[in-house]
C-alpha atoms as a PDB file:
ATOM      1  CA  MET A   1      -4.385  60.928  31.750  1.00  0.00           C
ATOM      2  CA  GLY A   2      -5.220  57.375  30.699  1.00  0.00           C
ATOM      3  CA  ILE A   3      -3.076  54.933  28.795  1.00  0.00           C
ATOM      4  CA  HIS A   4      -4.561  53.726  25.565  1.00  0.00           C
ATOM      5  CA  VAL A   5      -3.205  50.583  23.921  1.00  0.00           C
ATOM      6  CA  ASN A   6      -3.956  50.081  20.271  1.00  0.00           C
ATOM      7  CA  SER A   7      -4.558  46.356  19.982  1.00  0.00           C
ATOM      8  CA  GLY A   8      -5.967  46.462  16.443  1.00  0.00           C
ATOM      9  CA  GLY A   9      -2.652  45.448  14.901  1.00  0.00           C
ATOM     10  CA  ILE A  10      -2.108  42.641  17.382  1.00  0.00           C
ATOM     11  CA  ASP A  11      -5.638  41.309  16.842  1.00  0.00           C
ATOM     12  CA  LYS A  12      -5.072  41.174  13.075  1.00  0.00           C
ATOM     13  CA  LYS A  13      -1.786  39.346  13.530  1.00  0.00           C
ATOM     14  CA  LEU A  14      -3.381  36.864  15.925  1.00  0.00           C
ATOM     15  CA  ASP A  15      -6.227  36.291  13.456  1.00  0.00           C
ATOM     16  CA  LYS A  16      -3.688  35.581  10.708  1.00  0.00           C
ATOM     17  CA  ILE A  17      -1.800  33.185  12.967  1.00  0.00           C
ATOM     18  CA  LEU A  18      -5.004  31.364  13.868  1.00  0.00           C
ATOM     19  CA  ALA A  19      -6.006  31.121  10.199  1.00  0.00           C
ATOM     20  CA  MET A  20      -2.591  29.709   9.293  1.00  0.00           C
ATOM     21  CA  LEU A  21      -2.748  27.254  12.180  1.00  0.00           C
ATOM     22  CA  THR A  22      -6.163  26.084  10.987  1.00  0.00           C
ATOM     23  CA  GLN A  23      -4.744  25.530   7.500  1.00  0.00           C
ATOM     24  CA  VAL A  24      -1.811  23.569   8.908  1.00  0.00           C
ATOM     25  CA  LEU A  25      -4.145  21.360  10.934  1.00  0.00           C
ATOM     26  CA  GLN A  26      -6.372  20.724   7.901  1.00  0.00           C
ATOM     27  CA  LYS A  27      -3.376  19.785   5.775  1.00  0.00           C
ATOM     28  CA  GLU A  28      -2.127  17.512   8.538  1.00  0.00           C
ATOM     29  CA  GLU A  29      -5.474  15.690   8.536  1.00  0.00           C
ATOM     30  CA  GLN A  30      -5.326  15.330   4.742  1.00  0.00           C
ATOM     31  CA  MET A  31      -1.774  14.005   4.900  1.00  0.00           C
ATOM     32  CA  SER A  32      -2.730  11.572   7.642  1.00  0.00           C
ATOM     33  CA  ALA A  33      -5.597  10.214   5.545  1.00  0.00           C
ATOM     34  CA  ALA A  34      -3.309   9.913   2.506  1.00  0.00           C
ATOM     35  CA  LEU A  35      -0.690   8.098   4.590  1.00  0.00           C
ATOM     36  CA  ASP A  36      -3.320   5.679   5.895  1.00  0.00           C
ATOM     37  CA  ALA A  37      -4.465   4.947   2.333  1.00  0.00           C
ATOM     38  CA  LEU A  38      -0.889   4.448   1.163  1.00  0.00           C
ATOM     39  CA  THR A  39      -0.150   2.120   4.087  1.00  0.00           C
ATOM     40  CA  ALA A  40      -3.201   0.006   3.212  1.00  0.00           C
ATOM     41  CA  GLN A  41      -2.168  -0.101  -0.439  1.00  0.00           C
ATOM     42  CA  VAL A  42       1.359  -1.222   0.458  1.00  0.00           C
ATOM     43  CA  ALA A  43      -0.049  -3.974   2.681  1.00  0.00           C
ATOM     44  CA  ALA A  44      -2.346  -5.187  -0.098  1.00  0.00           C
ATOM     45  CA  THR A  45       0.477  -5.160  -2.636  1.00  0.00           C
ATOM     46  CA  THR A  46       2.741  -7.075  -0.268  1.00  0.00           C
ATOM     47  CA  THR A  47       0.023  -9.708   0.218  1.00  0.00           C
ATOM     48  CA  VAL A  48      -0.373 -10.127  -3.539  1.00  0.00           C
ATOM     49  CA  GLU A  49       3.379 -10.385  -4.035  1.00  0.00           C
ATOM     50  CA  GLN A  50       3.683 -13.017  -1.308  1.00  0.00           C
ATOM     51  CA  SER A  51       0.858 -15.019  -2.910  1.00  0.00           C
ATOM     52  CA  ALA A  52       2.633 -14.901  -6.273  1.00  0.00           C
ATOM     53  CA  ILE A  53       5.911 -16.012  -4.699  1.00  0.00           C
ATOM     54  CA  THR A  54       4.184 -18.924  -2.961  1.00  0.00           C
ATOM     55  CA  LEU A  55       2.550 -19.966  -6.242  1.00  0.00           C
ATOM     56  CA  ILE A  56       5.832 -19.829  -8.155  1.00  0.00           C
ATOM     57  CA  GLN A  57       7.653 -21.786  -5.444  1.00  0.00           C
ATOM     58  CA  GLY A  58       4.905 -24.440  -5.498  1.00  0.00           C
ATOM     59  CA  ILE A  59       5.182 -24.852  -9.242  1.00  0.00           C
ATOM     60  CA  ALA A  60       8.953 -25.073  -9.036  1.00  0.00           C
ATOM     61  CA  ALA A  61       8.676 -27.752  -6.334  1.00  0.00           C
ATOM     62  CA  GLN A  62       6.215 -29.748  -8.428  1.00  0.00           C
ATOM     63  CA  LEU A  63       8.522 -29.588 -11.439  1.00  0.00           C
ATOM     64  CA  ALA A  64      11.514 -30.588  -9.325  1.00  0.00           C
ATOM     65  CA  ALA A  65       9.580 -33.574  -7.936  1.00  0.00           C
ATOM     66  CA  LEU A  66       8.592 -34.692 -11.421  1.00  0.00           C
ATOM     67  CA  VAL A  67      12.152 -34.387 -12.697  1.00  0.00           C
ATOM     68  CA  ALA A  68      13.586 -36.185  -9.633  1.00  0.00           C
ATOM     69  CA  ALA A  69      11.116 -39.033 -10.056  1.00  0.00           C
ATOM     70  CA  GLY A  70      12.091 -39.361 -13.695  1.00  0.00           C
ATOM     71  CA  THR A  71       8.459 -39.552 -14.636  1.00  0.00           C
ATOM     72  CA  VAL A  72       7.913 -36.296 -16.445  1.00  0.00           C
ATOM     73  CA  THR A  73       5.456 -36.834 -19.261  1.00  0.00           C
ATOM     74  CA  PRO A  74       3.943 -34.350 -21.652  1.00  0.00           C
ATOM     75  CA  ALA A  75       0.575 -34.920 -19.967  1.00  0.00           C
ATOM     76  CA  GLN A  76       2.012 -33.941 -16.565  1.00  0.00           C
ATOM     77  CA  LEU A  77       3.566 -30.808 -17.973  1.00  0.00           C
ATOM     78  CA  THR A  78       0.257 -29.965 -19.663  1.00  0.00           C
ATOM     79  CA  ALA A  79      -1.572 -30.499 -16.364  1.00  0.00           C
ATOM     80  CA  LEU A  80       0.897 -28.239 -14.594  1.00  0.00           C
ATOM     81  CA  SER A  81       0.501 -25.622 -17.305  1.00  0.00           C
ATOM     82  CA  ASP A  82      -3.291 -25.843 -16.972  1.00  0.00           C
ATOM     83  CA  GLN A  83      -2.982 -25.388 -13.202  1.00  0.00           C
ATOM     84  CA  LEU A  84      -0.814 -22.310 -13.707  1.00  0.00           C
ATOM     85  CA  ASN A  85      -3.302 -20.840 -16.182  1.00  0.00           C
ATOM     86  CA  ALA A  86      -6.194 -21.510 -13.806  1.00  0.00           C
ATOM     87  CA  SER A  87      -4.319 -19.799 -10.983  1.00  0.00           C
ATOM     88  CA  ALA A  88      -3.523 -16.825 -13.190  1.00  0.00           C
ATOM     89  CA  THR A  89      -7.173 -16.261 -14.045  1.00  0.00           C
ATOM     90  CA  ALA A  90      -8.547 -16.848 -10.544  1.00  0.00           C
END
């Protein structure tokens, strides 16, 4: 008398597990790519924000220097305004 083991049920369960594992790995790769893209976007945004802050601080310093010198003229303010507009469109 031989012992017969029905492995059909186990094979189906293992196939399902492998299919689910494959799906999990694919989703992990997609999430990793999305995270990389988001990280790059955050870095780019931070760079732009820092550039804007530097520009604003430079303009504020120029205005403060003009006021401290007591030599603020309409022409200087116009020149500063022109510089700001040129920076905004660059």
